[in-house]
Amino acid sequence: MRQIRVTPPGSLEKYGRMSKRGRYLETMERIVPWGELQALIEPHCPRAGRGRQPVGLSMMLRVYFLQP
């Protein structure tokens, strides 16, 4: 049997404190020009073909840049 929710979903998140990691990720989203950086690197990225599929560029950039 499921427990009945008294509050609507998403209403409690606005009162919680943001973690250090959350603040860090939010700051990096504002600072780094992801679109410009991706447009600069995209011509040099490997293309999908035979064999293993390459990792998406946006995912790869965020992994390299957002390592704390």
PDB file of N, CA and C in Angstrom:
ATOM      1  N   MET A   1       0.822  -1.164   0.000  1.00  0.00           N
ATOM      2  CA  MET A   1       0.000   0.000   0.000  1.00  0.00           C
ATOM      3  C   MET A   1       0.879   1.245   0.000  1.00  0.00           C
ATOM      4  N   ARG A   2       0.537   2.217  -0.803  1.00  0.00           N
ATOM      5  CA  ARG A   2       1.333   3.431  -0.911  1.00  0.00           C
ATOM      6  C   ARG A   2       0.917   4.450   0.140  1.00  0.00           C
ATOM      7  N   GLN A   3       1.895   5.217   0.562  1.00  0.00           N
ATOM      8  CA  GLN A   3       1.616   6.266   1.529  1.00  0.00           C
ATOM      9  C   GLN A   3       1.027   7.477   0.808  1.00  0.00           C
ATOM     10  N   ILE A   4       0.043   8.111   1.396  1.00  0.00           N
ATOM     11  CA  ILE A   4      -0.610   9.270   0.792  1.00  0.00           C
ATOM     12  C   ILE A   4       0.220  10.508   1.076  1.00  0.00           C
ATOM     13  N   ARG A   5       0.470  11.307   0.029  1.00  0.00           N
ATOM     14  CA  ARG A   5       1.230  12.540   0.179  1.00  0.00           C
ATOM     15  C   ARG A   5       0.313  13.674   0.586  1.00  0.00           C
ATOM     16  N   VAL A   6       0.724  14.441   1.570  1.00  0.00           N
ATOM     17  CA  VAL A   6      -0.060  15.573   2.020  1.00  0.00           C
ATOM     18  C   VAL A   6       0.311  16.821   1.223  1.00  0.00           C
ATOM     19  N   THR A   7       1.589  16.949   0.877  1.00  0.00           N
ATOM     20  CA  THR A   7       2.056  18.124   0.135  1.00  0.00           C
ATOM     21  C   THR A   7       2.179  17.791  -1.343  1.00  0.00           C
ATOM     22  N   PRO A   8       2.005  18.766  -2.208  1.00  0.00           N
ATOM     23  CA  PRO A   8       2.195  18.501  -3.635  1.00  0.00           C
ATOM     24  C   PRO A   8       3.665  18.231  -3.941  1.00  0.00           C
ATOM     25  N   PRO A   9       3.936  17.410  -4.953  1.00  0.00           N
ATOM     26  CA  PRO A   9       5.319  17.098  -5.280  1.00  0.00           C
ATOM     27  C   PRO A   9       6.081  18.359  -5.688  1.00  0.00           C
ATOM     28  N   GLY A  10       7.328  18.470  -5.217  1.00  0.00           N
ATOM     29  CA  GLY A  10       8.160  19.607  -5.578  1.00  0.00           C
ATOM     30  C   GLY A  10       8.019  20.807  -4.672  1.00  0.00           C
ATOM     31  N   SER A  11       7.106  20.773  -3.709  1.00  0.00           N
ATOM     32  CA  SER A  11       6.897  21.951  -2.865  1.00  0.00           C
ATOM     33  C   SER A  11       7.930  22.048  -1.748  1.00  0.00           C
ATOM     34  N   LEU A  12       8.515  20.944  -1.337  1.00  0.00           N
ATOM     35  CA  LEU A  12       9.472  20.981  -0.235  1.00  0.00           C
ATOM     36  C   LEU A  12      10.883  21.319  -0.689  1.00  0.00           C
ATOM     37  N   GLU A  13      11.202  21.148  -1.967  1.00  0.00           N
ATOM     38  CA  GLU A  13      12.553  21.389  -2.442  1.00  0.00           C
ATOM     39  C   GLU A  13      12.956  22.858  -2.337  1.00  0.00           C
ATOM     40  N   LYS A  14      12.017  23.759  -2.430  1.00  0.00           N
ATOM     41  CA  LYS A  14      12.370  25.170  -2.414  1.00  0.00           C
ATOM     42  C   LYS A  14      12.799  25.641  -1.027  1.00  0.00           C
ATOM     43  N   TYR A  15      12.502  24.866   0.027  1.00  0.00           N
ATOM     44  CA  TYR A  15      12.874  25.251   1.374  1.00  0.00           C
ATOM     45  C   TYR A  15      14.171  24.605   1.838  1.00  0.00           C
ATOM     46  N   GLY A  16      14.655  23.618   1.129  1.00  0.00           N
ATOM     47  CA  GLY A  16      15.876  22.940   1.530  1.00  0.00           C
ATOM     48  C   GLY A  16      17.111  23.752   1.189  1.00  0.00           C
ATOM     49  N   ARG A  17      18.185  23.479   1.892  1.00  0.00           N
ATOM     50  CA  ARG A  17      19.442  24.162   1.609  1.00  0.00           C
ATOM     51  C   ARG A  17      20.116  23.518   0.413  1.00  0.00           C
ATOM     52  N   MET A  18      20.776  24.326  -0.395  1.00  0.00           N
ATOM     53  CA  MET A  18      21.505  23.792  -1.535  1.00  0.00           C
ATOM     54  C   MET A  18      22.867  23.303  -1.050  1.00  0.00           C
ATOM     55  N   SER A  19      23.273  22.148  -1.512  1.00  0.00           N
ATOM     56  CA  SER A  19      24.548  21.587  -1.094  1.00  0.00           C
ATOM     57  C   SER A  19      25.690  22.330  -1.781  1.00  0.00           C
ATOM     58  N   LYS A  20      26.913  22.095  -1.298  1.00  0.00           N
ATOM     59  CA  LYS A  20      28.085  22.724  -1.915  1.00  0.00           C
ATOM     60  C   LYS A  20      28.218  22.284  -3.364  1.00  0.00           C
ATOM     61  N   ARG A  21      27.933  21.012  -3.612  1.00  0.00           N
ATOM     62  CA  ARG A  21      28.012  20.497  -4.976  1.00  0.00           C
ATOM     63  C   ARG A  21      26.984  21.180  -5.876  1.00  0.00           C
ATOM     64  N   GLY A  22      25.773  21.359  -5.354  1.00  0.00           N
ATOM     65  CA  GLY A  22      24.725  22.019  -6.121  1.00  0.00           C
ATOM     66  C   GLY A  22      25.086  23.461  -6.441  1.00  0.00           C
ATOM     67  N   ARG A  23      25.659  24.174  -5.463  1.00  0.00           N
ATOM     68  CA  ARG A  23      26.089  25.554  -5.706  1.00  0.00           C
ATOM     69  C   ARG A  23      27.199  25.595  -6.743  1.00  0.00           C
ATOM     70  N   TYR A  24      28.133  24.645  -6.647  1.00  0.00           N
ATOM     71  CA  TYR A  24      29.248  24.583  -7.590  1.00  0.00           C
ATOM     72  C   TYR A  24      28.742  24.352  -9.015  1.00  0.00           C
ATOM     73  N   LEU A  25      27.837  23.402  -9.191  1.00  0.00           N
ATOM     74  CA  LEU A  25      27.300  23.106 -10.518  1.00  0.00           C
ATOM     75  C   LEU A  25      26.510  24.290 -11.072  1.00  0.00           C
ATOM     76  N   GLU A  26      25.762  24.957 -10.227  1.00  0.00           N
ATOM     77  CA  GLU A  26      25.000  26.120 -10.660  1.00  0.00           C
ATOM     78  C   GLU A  26      25.936  27.254 -11.107  1.00  0.00           C
ATOM     79  N   THR A  27      27.019  27.459 -10.374  1.00  0.00           N
ATOM     80  CA  THR A  27      27.999  28.487 -10.734  1.00  0.00           C
ATOM     81  C   THR A  27      28.671  28.162 -12.057  1.00  0.00           C
ATOM     82  N   MET A  28      29.036  26.898 -12.260  1.00  0.00           N
ATOM     83  CA  MET A  28      29.698  26.510 -13.517  1.00  0.00           C
ATOM     84  C   MET A  28      28.753  26.664 -14.702  1.00  0.00           C
ATOM     85  N   GLU A  29      27.472  26.419 -14.513  1.00  0.00           N
ATOM     86  CA  GLU A  29      26.506  26.599 -15.600  1.00  0.00           C
ATOM     87  C   GLU A  29      26.439  28.066 -16.023  1.00  0.00           C
ATOM     88  N   ARG A  30      26.586  28.981 -15.051  1.00  0.00           N
ATOM     89  CA  ARG A  30      26.540  30.408 -15.375  1.00  0.00           C
ATOM     90  C   ARG A  30      27.852  30.896 -15.984  1.00  0.00           C
ATOM     91  N   ILE A  31      28.997  30.361 -15.542  1.00  0.00           N
ATOM     92  CA  ILE A  31      30.304  30.875 -15.948  1.00  0.00           C
ATOM     93  C   ILE A  31      30.736  30.372 -17.316  1.00  0.00           C
ATOM     94  N   VAL A  32      30.647  29.073 -17.548  1.00  0.00           N
ATOM     95  CA  VAL A  32      31.199  28.462 -18.764  1.00  0.00           C
ATOM     96  C   VAL A  32      30.252  28.652 -19.941  1.00  0.00           C
ATOM     97  N   PRO A  33      30.749  29.215 -21.053  1.00  0.00           N
ATOM     98  CA  PRO A  33      29.915  29.368 -22.254  1.00  0.00           C
ATOM     99  C   PRO A  33      29.856  28.043 -23.030  1.00  0.00           C
ATOM    100  N   TRP A  34      28.978  27.136 -22.597  1.00  0.00           N
ATOM    101  CA  TRP A  34      28.939  25.777 -23.150  1.00  0.00           C
ATOM    102  C   TRP A  34      28.711  25.766 -24.656  1.00  0.00           C
ATOM    103  N   GLY A  35      27.821  26.590 -25.162  1.00  0.00           N
ATOM    104  CA  GLY A  35      27.514  26.594 -26.590  1.00  0.00           C
ATOM    105  C   GLY A  35      28.705  27.003 -27.435  1.00  0.00           C
ATOM    106  N   GLU A  36      29.398  28.060 -27.033  1.00  0.00           N
ATOM    107  CA  GLU A  36      30.575  28.522 -27.772  1.00  0.00           C
ATOM    108  C   GLU A  36      31.694  27.495 -27.713  1.00  0.00           C
ATOM    109  N   LEU A  37      31.901  26.925 -26.544  1.00  0.00           N
ATOM    110  CA  LEU A  37      32.957  25.928 -26.371  1.00  0.00           C
ATOM    111  C   LEU A  37      32.675  24.688 -27.213  1.00  0.00           C
ATOM    112  N   GLN A  38      31.434  24.265 -27.248  1.00  0.00           N
ATOM    113  CA  GLN A  38      31.061  23.098 -28.031  1.00  0.00           C
ATOM    114  C   GLN A  38      31.231  23.373 -29.531  1.00  0.00           C
ATOM    115  N   ALA A  39      30.860  24.572 -29.988  1.00  0.00           N
ATOM    116  CA  ALA A  39      31.013  24.920 -31.396  1.00  0.00           C
ATOM    117  C   ALA A  39      32.486  24.975 -31.802  1.00  0.00           C
ATOM    118  N   LEU A  40      33.345  25.356 -30.883  1.00  0.00           N
ATOM    119  CA  LEU A  40      34.780  25.439 -31.162  1.00  0.00           C
ATOM    120  C   LEU A  40      35.414  24.052 -31.295  1.00  0.00           C
ATOM    121  N   ILE A  41      34.981  23.111 -30.472  1.00  0.00           N
ATOM    122  CA  ILE A  41      35.597  21.780 -30.430  1.00  0.00           C
ATOM    123  C   ILE A  41      34.947  20.803 -31.402  1.00  0.00           C
ATOM    124  N   GLU A  42      33.689  21.000 -31.745  1.00  0.00           N
ATOM    125  CA  GLU A  42      32.919  20.030 -32.530  1.00  0.00           C
ATOM    126  C   GLU A  42      33.566  19.608 -33.853  1.00  0.00           C
ATOM    127  N   PRO A  43      34.184  20.507 -34.628  1.00  0.00           N
ATOM    128  CA  PRO A  43      34.789  20.053 -35.893  1.00  0.00           C
ATOM    129  C   PRO A  43      35.920  19.035 -35.713  1.00  0.00           C
ATOM    130  N   HIS A  44      36.517  18.970 -34.526  1.00  0.00           N
ATOM    131  CA  HIS A  44      37.651  18.073 -34.288  1.00  0.00           C
ATOM    132  C   HIS A  44      37.276  16.788 -33.570  1.00  0.00           C
ATOM    133  N   CYS A  45      36.018  16.607 -33.259  1.00  0.00           N
ATOM    134  CA  CYS A  45      35.560  15.410 -32.542  1.00  0.00           C
ATOM    135  C   CYS A  45      35.401  14.233 -33.506  1.00  0.00           C
ATOM    136  N   PRO A  46      35.620  13.022 -32.989  1.00  0.00           N
ATOM    137  CA  PRO A  46      35.427  11.853 -33.846  1.00  0.00           C
ATOM    138  C   PRO A  46      33.959  11.665 -34.224  1.00  0.00           C
ATOM    139  N   ARG A  47      33.729  11.179 -35.412  1.00  0.00           N
ATOM    140  CA  ARG A  47      32.368  10.936 -35.909  1.00  0.00           C
ATOM    141  C   ARG A  47      31.990   9.475 -35.666  1.00  0.00           C
ATOM    142  N   ALA A  48      30.708   9.229 -35.589  1.00  0.00           N
ATOM    143  CA  ALA A  48      30.223   7.868 -35.418  1.00  0.00           C
ATOM    144  C   ALA A  48      30.437   7.105 -36.716  1.00  0.00           C
ATOM    145  N   GLY A  49      30.873   5.898 -36.579  1.00  0.00           N
ATOM    146  CA  GLY A  49      31.120   5.060 -37.746  1.00  0.00           C
ATOM    147  C   GLY A  49      31.116   3.613 -37.305  1.00  0.00           C
ATOM    148  N   ARG A  50      32.046   2.875 -37.836  1.00  0.00           N
ATOM    149  CA  ARG A  50      32.164   1.482 -37.420  1.00  0.00           C
ATOM    150  C   ARG A  50      32.832   1.424 -36.061  1.00  0.00           C
ATOM    151  N   GLY A  51      32.431   0.462 -35.271  1.00  0.00           N
ATOM    152  CA  GLY A  51      33.044   0.290 -33.952  1.00  0.00           C
ATOM    153  C   GLY A  51      32.277   0.999 -32.855  1.00  0.00           C
ATOM    154  N   ARG A  52      33.016   1.331 -31.838  1.00  0.00           N
ATOM    155  CA  ARG A  52      32.404   1.919 -30.641  1.00  0.00           C
ATOM    156  C   ARG A  52      31.925   3.346 -30.907  1.00  0.00           C
ATOM    157  N   GLN A  53      30.737   3.667 -30.396  1.00  0.00           N
ATOM    158  CA  GLN A  53      30.178   5.002 -30.565  1.00  0.00           C
ATOM    159  C   GLN A  53      30.936   5.997 -29.683  1.00  0.00           C
ATOM    160  N   PRO A  54      31.283   7.170 -30.208  1.00  0.00           N
ATOM    161  CA  PRO A  54      31.970   8.159 -29.381  1.00  0.00           C
ATOM    162  C   PRO A  54      31.024   8.760 -28.332  1.00  0.00           C
ATOM    163  N   VAL A  55      31.614   9.237 -27.246  1.00  0.00           N
ATOM    164  CA  VAL A  55      30.839   9.877 -26.185  1.00  0.00           C
ATOM    165  C   VAL A  55      30.360  11.220 -26.698  1.00  0.00           C
ATOM    166  N   GLY A  56      29.164  11.612 -26.335  1.00  0.00           N
ATOM    167  CA  GLY A  56      28.632  12.897 -26.754  1.00  0.00           C
ATOM    168  C   GLY A  56      29.513  14.045 -26.282  1.00  0.00           C
ATOM    169  N   LEU A  57      29.662  15.059 -27.112  1.00  0.00           N
ATOM    170  CA  LEU A  57      30.558  16.168 -26.816  1.00  0.00           C
ATOM    171  C   LEU A  57      30.113  16.947 -25.581  1.00  0.00           C
ATOM    172  N   SER A  58      28.843  17.240 -25.459  1.00  0.00           N
ATOM    173  CA  SER A  58      28.390  18.017 -24.313  1.00  0.00           C
ATOM    174  C   SER A  58      28.627  17.254 -23.011  1.00  0.00           C
ATOM    175  N   MET A  59      28.418  15.946 -23.023  1.00  0.00           N
ATOM    176  CA  MET A  59      28.659  15.141 -21.833  1.00  0.00           C
ATOM    177  C   MET A  59      30.147  15.118 -21.502  1.00  0.00           C
ATOM    178  N   MET A  60      30.982  14.962 -22.511  1.00  0.00           N
ATOM    179  CA  MET A  60      32.423  14.902 -22.301  1.00  0.00           C
ATOM    180  C   MET A  60      32.949  16.218 -21.721  1.00  0.00           C
ATOM    181  N   LEU A  61      32.483  17.346 -22.249  1.00  0.00           N
ATOM    182  CA  LEU A  61      32.930  18.645 -21.752  1.00  0.00           C
ATOM    183  C   LEU A  61      32.539  18.847 -20.297  1.00  0.00           C
ATOM    184  N   ARG A  62      31.320  18.482 -19.956  1.00  0.00           N
ATOM    185  CA  ARG A  62      30.884  18.665 -18.573  1.00  0.00           C
ATOM    186  C   ARG A  62      31.652  17.760 -17.616  1.00  0.00           C
ATOM    187  N   VAL A  63      31.987  16.556 -18.047  1.00  0.00           N
ATOM    188  CA  VAL A  63      32.756  15.655 -17.198  1.00  0.00           C
ATOM    189  C   VAL A  63      34.142  16.234 -16.943  1.00  0.00           C
ATOM    190  N   TYR A  64      34.807  16.748 -17.986  1.00  0.00           N
ATOM    191  CA  TYR A  64      36.152  17.287 -17.821  1.00  0.00           C
ATOM    192  C   TYR A  64      36.160  18.602 -17.042  1.00  0.00           C
ATOM    193  N   PHE A  65      35.199  19.469 -17.281  1.00  0.00           N
ATOM    194  CA  PHE A  65      35.188  20.773 -16.644  1.00  0.00           C
ATOM    195  C   PHE A  65      34.640  20.754 -15.233  1.00  0.00           C
ATOM    196  N   LEU A  66      33.714  19.885 -14.948  1.00  0.00           N
ATOM    197  CA  LEU A  66      33.028  19.920 -13.652  1.00  0.00           C
ATOM    198  C   LEU A  66      33.604  18.957 -12.634  1.00  0.00           C
ATOM    199  N   GLN A  67      34.808  18.473 -12.852  1.00  0.00           N
ATOM    200  CA  GLN A  67      35.430  17.622 -11.852  1.00  0.00           C
ATOM    201  C   GLN A  67      35.872  18.496 -10.687  1.00  0.00           C
ATOM    202  N   PRO A  68      35.325  18.263  -9.498  1.00  0.00           N
ATOM    203  CA  PRO A  68      35.725  19.097  -8.346  1.00  0.00           C
ATOM    204  C   PRO A  68      37.108  18.782  -7.850  1.00  0.00           C
TER     205      PRO A  68
END
